[in-house]
Amino acid sequence: MDKKKEFMIYKLSESIKTTCRIDNELFKQYNVKRGLRNEDHSGVLVGLTKIGDVVGYEREEGGGLKAIPGKLLYRGIDVEDLVLGLRAEQRTGFEETAFLLLSGYLPDQEELTIFSEMLNYAMPLEQKVKMNILDLEGQNIMNILARSVLEMYTFDENPDDTSRENLMRQSIDLIAKFPTIIAYAYNIMRHSLFGRSLHIRHPKEDASLSENFLFMLKGPRRYTELDIRILDLALILHAEHGGGNNSTFTVRVTSSSGTDTYSSIAAGIGSLKGPLHGGANIKVMDMFNHLKENISNWEDNKEIESYLKKILNKDAYNRTGLIYGIGHAVYTISDPRALLLKEMARELAVEKGREKEFAFLERLETLSVDAFMKFKGSKVNKQVCANVDFYSGFVYEMIGLPVEVYTPLFAMSRIVGWVAHRIEELNFDSKRIIRPAYKNVTDKKEFIPLDKR
């Protein structure tokens, strides 16, 4: 690029400082809910769903809202009950969760067996998709995943058909293929960037989705039964989180236009890739590693609290003033996903010999919440808690998963919620494209002829 073009880019980018700045007071003046959020950061009600329910408050008799321990419901079933039931029966349950979210009811044994077989059958990739992952390569698995999903359109005989039967067929196919695409993409990327041996393993026919992912990613005998179970739990807990989370809302918005499944899901992947959405657990792990290095005594509450105060005051770590993994838009007293994952993380830490790190992380959780409420609580005017990201990154690291697959793993789970919401959006009695309004706050200007500018 020559100097004139470089200067023009600079000049245009400098104009952004003024032309894209909107005074925060205007949002109050026009009662605009910035980011579709209320002033307490809870979401603005924009739609109805029967799929997932994220509960952090209950309405009191006087009409006000009272914070309560968080609940997450899948089709009306408490996720805690689902997880504890699976744990009591000592079996994995992501496939059962997917069936529940897609159908609205829990499968019987025969239905679950057939559904699991369908997923296993659909897991291998078309040869051309596999070869394009090999040939085109890439340095970000989320981009490779989006590209591969768009490519699946060309292999679908009825890609634009939005009938219920075809939507369900496409949904099952996508759920099945995400683990394979992600595992292949990582191994190819590792081979390309680091010159390591290239391993393309075909999925096993008789394994759960969580085991197949570990097998394709890491190889045989490089994971334990507990690794399989806790990865399965993580997939269950991330599968759905209501229609208002950014990526699911993206899928619903694009679906409302009538576009094809692959375009809509690729848009959801793009949303999830954003660091404010899908990359939070990576930030937590980076912060955790920083704290391990900079706090000398992991059992000294005063030293820990002092350092956390520095982080909140933007005097330490990355100077953003954020403690990653603390706080949520809906959950206040507790995030049910964090509680469930935390208990299995404790068990996994024992197996991996990392009890001291887990104890430090657990202590950090308590002290981080206390520090936040002490130093910043008055600004948010509500209780905060640790969210699921506070423990998920540590869990993935203990399993031996590379950081490059953390966000893709989120997509591998959330694809279930995405397709369920897409199906619901396209089957409303009254079909309307989602079109929110924006208030223009630019002053009127007169056109000036080019020769007089």
Protein backbone atom coordinates (compact mmCIF):
# COMPACT_ATOMS: atom_id res chain seq x y z
CA MET A 1 0.00 0.00 0.00
CA ASP A 2 1.48 3.38 -1.02
CA LYS A 3 1.80 6.33 1.38
CA LYS A 4 -1.26 8.18 0.04
CA LYS A 5 -3.47 5.14 0.70
CA GLU A 6 -1.91 4.60 4.10
CA PHE A 7 -2.59 8.23 5.01
CA MET A 8 -6.21 7.92 3.83
CA ILE A 9 -6.70 4.87 6.06
CA TYR A 10 -5.23 6.86 8.96
CA LYS A 11 -7.43 9.89 8.21
CA LEU A 12 -10.59 7.79 7.99
CA SER A 13 -9.75 5.93 11.17
CA GLU A 14 -9.13 9.21 13.01
CA SER A 15 -12.59 10.42 11.98
CA ILE A 16 -14.06 7.56 14.01
CA LYS A 17 -13.11 9.38 17.21
CA THR A 18 -15.85 11.94 16.60
CA THR A 19 -18.25 10.46 14.06
CA CYS A 20 -18.86 7.25 16.04
CA ARG A 21 -19.00 8.77 19.50
CA ILE A 22 -22.45 9.05 21.02
CA ASP A 23 -22.83 10.71 24.40
CA ASN A 24 -23.98 8.27 27.08
CA GLU A 25 -26.55 10.84 28.27
CA LEU A 26 -28.42 10.44 24.96
CA PHE A 27 -29.14 6.81 25.79
CA LYS A 28 -30.90 7.97 28.96
CA GLN A 29 -32.64 10.83 27.13
CA TYR A 30 -34.21 8.50 24.56
CA ASN A 31 -34.61 5.58 27.03
CA VAL A 32 -32.46 3.35 24.85
CA LYS A 33 -31.46 0.05 26.44
CA ARG A 34 -27.82 -0.07 25.33
CA GLY A 35 -26.86 -3.60 24.32
CA LEU A 36 -30.46 -4.62 25.02
CA ARG A 37 -29.57 -4.37 28.71
CA ASN A 38 -31.41 -2.71 31.57
CA GLU A 39 -29.51 -0.39 33.90
CA ASP A 40 -28.79 -3.30 36.27
CA HIS A 41 -27.27 -5.14 33.26
CA SER A 42 -30.07 -7.70 33.07
CA GLY A 43 -31.46 -8.41 29.61
CA VAL A 44 -34.37 -6.58 28.00
CA LEU A 45 -37.25 -8.94 27.23
CA VAL A 46 -37.33 -9.32 23.43
CA GLY A 47 -38.88 -12.73 22.78
CA LEU A 48 -40.50 -15.92 24.04
CA THR A 49 -39.06 -19.43 24.17
CA LYS A 50 -39.82 -22.89 25.53
CA ILE A 51 -36.22 -24.13 25.36
CA GLY A 52 -33.97 -22.77 28.12
CA ASP A 53 -34.63 -20.61 31.17
CA VAL A 54 -31.91 -18.72 33.03
CA VAL A 55 -33.23 -17.80 36.49
CA GLY A 56 -31.52 -15.40 38.86
CA TYR A 57 -34.46 -13.51 40.33
CA GLU A 58 -38.01 -14.12 41.50
CA ARG A 59 -40.83 -11.60 41.66
CA GLU A 60 -41.98 -10.57 45.13
CA GLU A 61 -45.57 -9.80 46.16
CA GLY A 62 -45.01 -6.06 45.82
CA GLY A 63 -43.85 -6.50 42.23
CA GLY A 64 -40.12 -6.08 42.87
CA LEU A 65 -37.41 -8.58 42.00
CA LYS A 66 -35.51 -10.59 44.60
CA ALA A 67 -32.16 -12.25 43.85
CA ILE A 68 -32.17 -16.01 44.39
CA PRO A 69 -29.65 -18.85 43.91
CA GLY A 70 -29.34 -19.35 40.16
CA LYS A 71 -31.25 -22.01 38.27
CA LEU A 72 -30.85 -23.22 34.70
CA LEU A 73 -33.76 -25.12 33.17
CA TYR A 74 -33.71 -27.17 29.99
CA ARG A 75 -37.26 -27.59 28.67
CA GLY A 76 -38.50 -27.06 32.23
CA ILE A 77 -36.11 -29.59 33.79
CA ASP A 78 -33.60 -28.28 36.32
CA VAL A 79 -30.09 -28.93 34.96
CA GLU A 80 -28.96 -29.76 38.48
CA ASP A 81 -31.53 -32.60 38.63
CA LEU A 82 -30.42 -33.77 35.18
CA VAL A 83 -26.73 -33.81 36.12
CA LEU A 84 -27.24 -35.44 39.52
CA GLY A 85 -29.48 -38.07 37.94
CA LEU A 86 -26.82 -38.94 35.37
CA ARG A 87 -24.17 -39.01 38.09
CA ALA A 88 -26.26 -41.41 40.18
CA GLU A 89 -26.55 -43.73 37.19
CA GLN A 90 -22.82 -43.26 36.41
CA ARG A 91 -23.27 -42.51 32.73
CA THR A 92 -22.63 -39.70 30.28
CA GLY A 93 -25.58 -37.57 29.18
CA PHE A 94 -24.74 -35.02 26.49
CA GLU A 95 -26.61 -37.05 23.86
CA GLU A 96 -29.64 -37.23 26.15
CA THR A 97 -29.43 -33.48 26.76
CA ALA A 98 -29.32 -32.84 23.01
CA PHE A 99 -32.38 -35.03 22.52
CA LEU A 100 -34.21 -33.16 25.30
CA LEU A 101 -33.42 -29.71 23.89
CA LEU A 102 -34.38 -30.70 20.34
CA SER A 103 -37.56 -32.61 21.17
CA GLY A 104 -38.82 -31.12 24.42
CA TYR A 105 -38.89 -34.42 26.33
CA LEU A 106 -36.49 -36.98 27.80
CA PRO A 107 -35.94 -40.05 25.61
CA ASP A 108 -36.62 -43.61 26.70
CA GLN A 109 -33.84 -46.18 26.35
CA GLU A 110 -34.72 -47.16 22.79
CA GLU A 111 -35.00 -43.55 21.62
CA LEU A 112 -31.69 -42.65 23.27
CA THR A 113 -29.92 -45.63 21.69
CA ILE A 114 -31.18 -44.80 18.20
CA PHE A 115 -30.39 -41.08 18.61
CA SER A 116 -26.85 -41.85 19.81
CA GLU A 117 -26.35 -44.20 16.86
CA MET A 118 -27.51 -41.44 14.50
CA LEU A 119 -24.93 -39.05 15.95
CA ASN A 120 -22.15 -41.65 15.65
CA TYR A 121 -23.16 -42.44 12.09
CA ALA A 122 -23.10 -38.75 11.09
CA MET A 123 -19.80 -37.95 12.84
CA PRO A 124 -17.35 -38.71 9.96
CA LEU A 125 -16.77 -35.82 7.54
CA GLU A 126 -17.31 -35.78 3.79
CA GLN A 127 -13.96 -36.34 2.11
CA LYS A 128 -13.95 -32.91 0.44
CA VAL A 129 -14.60 -31.13 3.75
CA LYS A 130 -11.79 -33.12 5.32
CA MET A 131 -9.43 -32.33 2.46
CA ASN A 132 -10.26 -28.62 2.55
CA ILE A 133 -9.40 -28.50 6.25
CA LEU A 134 -6.09 -30.07 5.26
CA ASP A 135 -5.46 -27.88 2.22
CA LEU A 136 -6.67 -24.49 3.43
CA GLU A 137 -5.36 -24.92 6.98
CA GLY A 138 -5.68 -21.82 9.20
CA GLN A 139 -4.52 -20.46 12.55
CA ASN A 140 -7.89 -20.10 14.29
CA ILE A 141 -10.13 -23.12 14.80
CA MET A 142 -13.29 -21.01 15.11
CA ASN A 143 -12.72 -19.64 11.61
CA ILE A 144 -12.02 -23.14 10.28
CA LEU A 145 -15.22 -24.33 11.96
CA ALA A 146 -17.30 -21.53 10.41
CA ARG A 147 -15.76 -22.17 6.99
CA SER A 148 -16.43 -25.91 7.25
CA VAL A 149 -20.05 -25.33 8.29
CA LEU A 150 -20.63 -23.07 5.28
CA GLU A 151 -19.04 -25.71 3.10
CA MET A 152 -21.53 -28.30 4.39
CA TYR A 153 -24.20 -26.35 2.48
CA THR A 154 -22.75 -27.64 -0.81
CA PHE A 155 -23.06 -31.28 0.28
CA ASP A 156 -26.66 -30.94 1.46
CA GLU A 157 -29.22 -32.04 -1.13
CA ASN A 158 -31.83 -29.70 0.36
CA PRO A 159 -29.84 -26.94 2.09
CA ASP A 160 -32.56 -24.26 1.92
CA ASP A 161 -35.44 -26.52 2.95
CA THR A 162 -36.84 -25.25 6.28
CA SER A 163 -39.37 -28.01 6.82
CA ARG A 164 -39.38 -29.48 10.33
CA GLU A 165 -38.00 -32.82 9.17
CA ASN A 166 -35.15 -31.25 7.22
CA LEU A 167 -34.29 -28.85 10.05
CA MET A 168 -34.01 -31.80 12.44
CA ARG A 169 -31.84 -33.75 9.99
CA GLN A 170 -29.50 -30.79 9.55
CA SER A 171 -29.38 -30.23 13.32
CA ILE A 172 -28.33 -33.79 14.11
CA ASP A 173 -25.71 -33.67 11.37
CA LEU A 174 -24.20 -30.45 12.74
CA ILE A 175 -24.14 -31.68 16.35
CA ALA A 176 -22.35 -34.84 15.18
CA LYS A 177 -19.77 -33.17 12.96
CA PHE A 178 -18.59 -30.34 15.23
CA PRO A 179 -16.31 -32.62 17.34
CA THR A 180 -14.73 -34.09 14.22
CA ILE A 181 -14.11 -30.73 12.54
CA ILE A 182 -12.59 -29.25 15.71
CA ALA A 183 -10.33 -32.24 16.41
CA TYR A 184 -9.13 -32.42 12.81
CA ALA A 185 -8.59 -28.66 12.62
CA TYR A 186 -6.48 -28.63 15.77
CA ASN A 187 -4.28 -31.54 14.72
CA ILE A 188 -3.77 -30.04 11.26
CA MET A 189 -3.00 -26.61 12.74
CA ARG A 190 -0.50 -28.17 15.16
CA HIS A 191 1.13 -30.02 12.29
CA SER A 192 1.30 -26.86 10.14
CA LEU A 193 2.58 -24.44 12.79
CA PHE A 194 4.83 -26.69 14.86
CA GLY A 195 5.76 -29.48 12.46
CA ARG A 196 4.33 -32.15 14.76
CA SER A 197 3.08 -35.50 13.53
CA LEU A 198 -0.29 -35.33 11.79
CA HIS A 199 -2.93 -37.64 13.28
CA ILE A 200 -6.35 -37.94 11.64
CA ARG A 201 -8.31 -40.44 13.70
CA HIS A 202 -11.74 -41.65 12.62
CA PRO A 203 -14.43 -41.51 15.34
CA LYS A 204 -15.23 -44.74 17.15
CA GLU A 205 -18.67 -46.24 16.51
CA ASP A 206 -19.46 -47.24 20.10
CA ALA A 207 -18.23 -44.20 22.06
CA SER A 208 -20.00 -41.20 23.52
CA LEU A 209 -19.52 -37.82 21.88
CA SER A 210 -17.23 -36.65 24.70
CA GLU A 211 -15.04 -39.77 24.45
CA ASN A 212 -14.90 -39.54 20.67
CA PHE A 213 -13.70 -35.96 20.87
CA LEU A 214 -10.90 -36.89 23.29
CA PHE A 215 -9.99 -39.88 21.13
CA MET A 216 -9.84 -37.87 17.90
CA LEU A 217 -7.97 -35.00 19.54
CA LYS A 218 -5.50 -36.86 21.76
CA GLY A 219 -5.42 -40.49 20.67
CA PRO A 220 -6.13 -43.76 22.52
CA ARG A 221 -5.13 -44.29 26.18
CA ARG A 222 -4.40 -40.59 26.68
CA TYR A 223 -7.50 -39.81 28.71
CA THR A 224 -9.28 -41.34 31.69
CA GLU A 225 -12.89 -42.26 32.42
CA LEU A 226 -13.09 -39.22 34.69
CA ASP A 227 -11.83 -37.03 31.84
CA ILE A 228 -14.71 -38.34 29.70
CA ARG A 229 -17.31 -37.74 32.40
CA ILE A 230 -16.23 -34.20 33.28
CA LEU A 231 -15.97 -33.19 29.62
CA ASP A 232 -19.47 -34.61 29.15
CA LEU A 233 -20.62 -32.50 32.12
CA ALA A 234 -19.06 -29.37 30.62
CA LEU A 235 -20.86 -30.05 27.34
CA ILE A 236 -24.18 -30.46 29.15
CA LEU A 237 -23.72 -27.22 31.12
CA HIS A 238 -22.82 -25.17 28.03
CA ALA A 239 -25.42 -26.64 25.67
CA GLU A 240 -28.06 -23.95 26.19
CA HIS A 241 -28.45 -20.67 28.04
CA GLY A 242 -31.67 -19.05 26.89
CA GLY A 243 -32.36 -17.14 23.70
CA GLY A 244 -30.75 -13.91 24.87
CA ASN A 245 -27.08 -14.84 24.94
CA ASN A 246 -25.21 -13.16 22.09
CA SER A 247 -24.56 -16.14 19.82
CA THR A 248 -28.00 -17.72 20.23
CA PHE A 249 -29.66 -14.37 19.59
CA THR A 250 -27.50 -14.06 16.47
CA VAL A 251 -28.79 -17.43 15.28
CA ARG A 252 -32.38 -16.38 15.99
CA VAL A 253 -31.97 -13.03 14.21
CA THR A 254 -30.49 -14.61 11.10
CA SER A 255 -33.01 -17.47 11.17
CA SER A 256 -35.88 -14.98 11.28
CA SER A 257 -34.80 -13.75 7.84
CA GLY A 258 -35.36 -17.23 6.42
CA THR A 259 -31.71 -17.90 5.59
CA ASP A 260 -30.33 -21.43 5.44
CA THR A 261 -29.19 -23.37 8.50
CA TYR A 262 -25.48 -23.28 7.63
CA SER A 263 -25.37 -19.49 7.15
CA SER A 264 -27.20 -18.98 10.44
CA ILE A 265 -24.94 -21.32 12.42
CA ALA A 266 -21.81 -19.78 10.87
CA ALA A 267 -23.06 -16.40 12.12
CA GLY A 268 -23.47 -17.89 15.61
CA ILE A 269 -19.90 -19.18 15.47
CA GLY A 270 -18.69 -15.70 14.54
CA SER A 271 -20.48 -14.26 17.56
CA LEU A 272 -19.14 -16.88 19.94
CA LYS A 273 -15.59 -16.27 18.73
CA GLY A 274 -15.69 -12.79 20.26
CA PRO A 275 -13.58 -12.56 23.44
CA LEU A 276 -16.48 -11.01 25.38
CA HIS A 277 -18.53 -14.16 24.78
CA GLY A 278 -16.74 -17.43 24.12
CA GLY A 279 -13.23 -16.61 25.25
CA ALA A 280 -13.88 -15.80 28.90
CA ASN A 281 -12.42 -19.02 30.32
CA ILE A 282 -9.15 -18.34 28.47
CA LYS A 283 -8.95 -14.98 30.23
CA VAL A 284 -9.66 -16.66 33.58
CA MET A 285 -6.81 -19.13 33.06
CA ASP A 286 -4.42 -16.38 32.04
CA MET A 287 -5.36 -14.43 35.17
CA PHE A 288 -5.08 -17.57 37.33
CA ASN A 289 -1.58 -18.30 36.04
CA HIS A 290 -0.62 -14.68 36.69
CA LEU A 291 -1.90 -14.90 40.28
CA LYS A 292 -0.05 -18.17 40.88
CA GLU A 293 3.18 -16.44 39.94
CA ASN A 294 2.59 -13.16 41.78
CA ILE A 295 1.10 -14.35 45.06
CA SER A 296 3.77 -16.00 47.22
CA ASN A 297 1.49 -17.63 49.80
CA TRP A 298 -1.62 -19.20 48.27
CA GLU A 299 -3.14 -19.58 51.74
CA ASP A 300 -2.66 -15.98 52.89
CA ASN A 301 -6.04 -14.27 52.55
CA LYS A 302 -4.61 -10.82 53.25
CA GLU A 303 -1.97 -11.09 50.53
CA ILE A 304 -4.54 -12.39 48.04
CA GLU A 305 -7.08 -9.69 48.89
CA SER A 306 -4.42 -6.99 48.60
CA TYR A 307 -3.49 -8.17 45.11
CA LEU A 308 -7.11 -8.48 44.02
CA LYS A 309 -7.66 -4.89 45.15
CA LYS A 310 -4.76 -3.83 42.90
CA ILE A 311 -6.39 -5.63 39.97
CA LEU A 312 -9.73 -3.93 40.62
CA ASN A 313 -7.98 -0.55 40.86
CA LYS A 314 -6.22 -1.21 37.52
CA ASP A 315 -2.81 -1.28 39.22
CA ALA A 316 -1.99 -4.93 38.45
CA TYR A 317 -2.33 -7.73 35.90
CA ASN A 318 -3.73 -6.32 32.59
CA ARG A 319 -5.02 -3.09 34.18
CA THR A 320 -8.59 -3.48 32.96
CA GLY A 321 -9.99 -3.47 36.50
CA LEU A 322 -11.67 -6.84 35.86
CA ILE A 323 -11.52 -10.09 37.79
CA TYR A 324 -12.38 -12.59 35.07
CA GLY A 325 -14.94 -15.25 35.88
CA ILE A 326 -16.68 -13.09 38.48
CA GLY A 327 -20.14 -11.68 37.74
CA HIS A 328 -23.00 -12.52 35.41
CA ALA A 329 -25.85 -10.64 33.75
CA VAL A 330 -28.54 -12.83 35.36
CA TYR A 331 -27.00 -14.95 38.12
CA THR A 332 -26.24 -13.04 41.32
CA ILE A 333 -26.08 -15.33 44.34
CA SER A 334 -24.78 -18.35 42.42
CA ASP A 335 -24.29 -19.76 38.93
CA PRO A 336 -25.61 -23.37 38.99
CA ARG A 337 -23.21 -24.38 36.23
CA ALA A 338 -20.20 -23.20 38.25
CA LEU A 339 -21.37 -25.13 41.32
CA LEU A 340 -21.83 -28.38 39.39
CA LEU A 341 -18.56 -28.07 37.49
CA LYS A 342 -16.68 -27.10 40.66
CA GLU A 343 -17.58 -30.34 42.45
CA MET A 344 -16.33 -32.53 39.61
CA ALA A 345 -13.27 -30.30 39.23
CA ARG A 346 -12.45 -31.11 42.86
CA GLU A 347 -12.58 -34.83 42.04
CA LEU A 348 -10.50 -34.35 38.89
CA ALA A 349 -7.87 -32.33 40.80
CA VAL A 350 -7.35 -35.29 43.11
CA GLU A 351 -6.85 -37.64 40.16
CA LYS A 352 -4.38 -35.27 38.51
CA GLY A 353 -2.49 -34.39 41.71
CA ARG A 354 -3.45 -30.71 41.54
CA GLU A 355 -5.28 -30.31 44.82
CA LYS A 356 -3.21 -27.26 45.87
CA GLU A 357 -4.08 -25.36 42.71
CA PHE A 358 -7.75 -26.23 43.09
CA ALA A 359 -7.72 -25.07 46.72
CA PHE A 360 -6.10 -21.80 45.60
CA LEU A 361 -8.72 -21.33 42.87
CA GLU A 362 -11.52 -22.04 45.35
CA ARG A 363 -10.03 -19.51 47.78
CA LEU A 364 -9.72 -17.00 44.95
CA GLU A 365 -13.42 -17.44 44.17
CA THR A 366 -14.47 -16.48 47.69
CA LEU A 367 -12.02 -13.62 48.06
CA SER A 368 -12.71 -12.27 44.55
CA VAL A 369 -16.43 -12.01 45.24
CA ASP A 370 -15.73 -10.33 48.60
CA ALA A 371 -13.21 -7.93 47.06
CA PHE A 372 -15.52 -7.01 44.21
CA MET A 373 -18.44 -6.28 46.54
CA LYS A 374 -16.17 -4.33 48.86
CA PHE A 375 -14.48 -2.14 46.26
CA LYS A 376 -16.97 -2.01 43.37
CA GLY A 377 -20.27 -3.32 44.73
CA SER A 378 -21.85 0.12 45.09
CA LYS A 379 -21.39 0.77 41.36
CA VAL A 380 -23.22 -2.38 40.19
CA ASN A 381 -25.76 -2.32 43.03
CA LYS A 382 -26.20 -6.09 43.14
CA GLN A 383 -24.57 -9.25 44.46
CA VAL A 384 -22.07 -11.03 42.20
CA CYS A 385 -20.89 -14.63 42.04
CA ALA A 386 -18.39 -16.78 40.19
CA ASN A 387 -19.67 -17.87 36.78
CA VAL A 388 -19.00 -21.13 34.96
CA ASP A 389 -15.88 -19.73 33.26
CA PHE A 390 -14.14 -19.47 36.63
CA TYR A 391 -13.66 -23.25 36.68
CA SER A 392 -14.08 -24.45 33.09
CA GLY A 393 -10.63 -23.37 31.89
CA PHE A 394 -8.93 -25.14 34.82
CA VAL A 395 -10.98 -28.26 34.08
CA TYR A 396 -9.96 -28.23 30.41
CA GLU A 397 -6.31 -27.76 31.35
CA MET A 398 -6.43 -30.71 33.77
CA ILE A 399 -7.97 -32.88 31.06
CA GLY A 400 -5.02 -31.90 28.89
CA LEU A 401 -6.91 -29.88 26.29
CA PRO A 402 -4.95 -27.19 24.42
CA VAL A 403 -6.12 -23.62 24.88
CA GLU A 404 -6.83 -23.38 21.13
CA VAL A 405 -9.89 -25.64 21.53
CA TYR A 406 -11.46 -23.93 24.57
CA THR A 407 -13.79 -21.67 22.57
CA PRO A 408 -14.43 -24.30 19.84
CA LEU A 409 -15.42 -26.67 22.64
CA PHE A 410 -18.01 -24.09 23.71
CA ALA A 411 -19.34 -24.13 20.13
CA MET A 412 -19.35 -27.94 20.13
CA SER A 413 -21.72 -27.81 23.07
CA ARG A 414 -23.78 -24.70 22.22
CA ILE A 415 -24.59 -25.95 18.70
CA VAL A 416 -27.37 -27.90 20.42
CA GLY A 417 -28.97 -24.74 21.78
CA TRP A 418 -28.42 -22.90 18.51
CA VAL A 419 -30.25 -25.44 16.36
CA ALA A 420 -33.03 -25.82 18.93
CA HIS A 421 -33.63 -22.06 18.91
CA ARG A 422 -33.44 -21.93 15.12
CA ILE A 423 -36.13 -24.60 14.86
CA GLU A 424 -38.30 -22.72 17.36
CA GLU A 425 -37.82 -19.38 15.56
CA LEU A 426 -38.87 -20.88 12.23
CA ASN A 427 -41.93 -22.59 13.70
CA PHE A 428 -43.67 -19.66 15.36
CA ASP A 429 -47.27 -19.30 14.21
CA SER A 430 -46.52 -15.72 13.22
CA LYS A 431 -43.22 -15.44 11.32
CA ARG A 432 -41.59 -12.02 11.49
CA ILE A 433 -38.08 -10.88 10.79
CA ILE A 434 -36.38 -9.54 13.92
CA ARG A 435 -35.89 -5.83 13.38
CA PRO A 436 -35.13 -3.64 16.40
CA ALA A 437 -35.09 0.14 16.02
CA TYR A 438 -32.21 2.60 16.34
CA LYS A 439 -32.71 6.29 17.12
CA ASN A 440 -30.59 8.52 14.89
CA VAL A 441 -29.01 11.39 16.84
CA THR A 442 -27.11 13.15 14.03
CA ASP A 443 -27.84 16.83 13.44
CA LYS A 444 -29.27 17.66 10.02
CA LYS A 445 -26.67 18.85 7.50
CA GLU A 446 -26.88 20.52 4.10
CA PHE A 447 -25.40 18.93 1.00
CA ILE A 448 -22.39 20.85 -0.35
CA PRO A 449 -21.37 20.44 -4.02
CA LEU A 450 -18.02 18.82 -4.55
CA ASP A 451 -16.35 21.90 -6.04
CA LYS A 452 -17.25 23.96 -2.92
CA ARG A 453 -16.00 21.58 -0.23
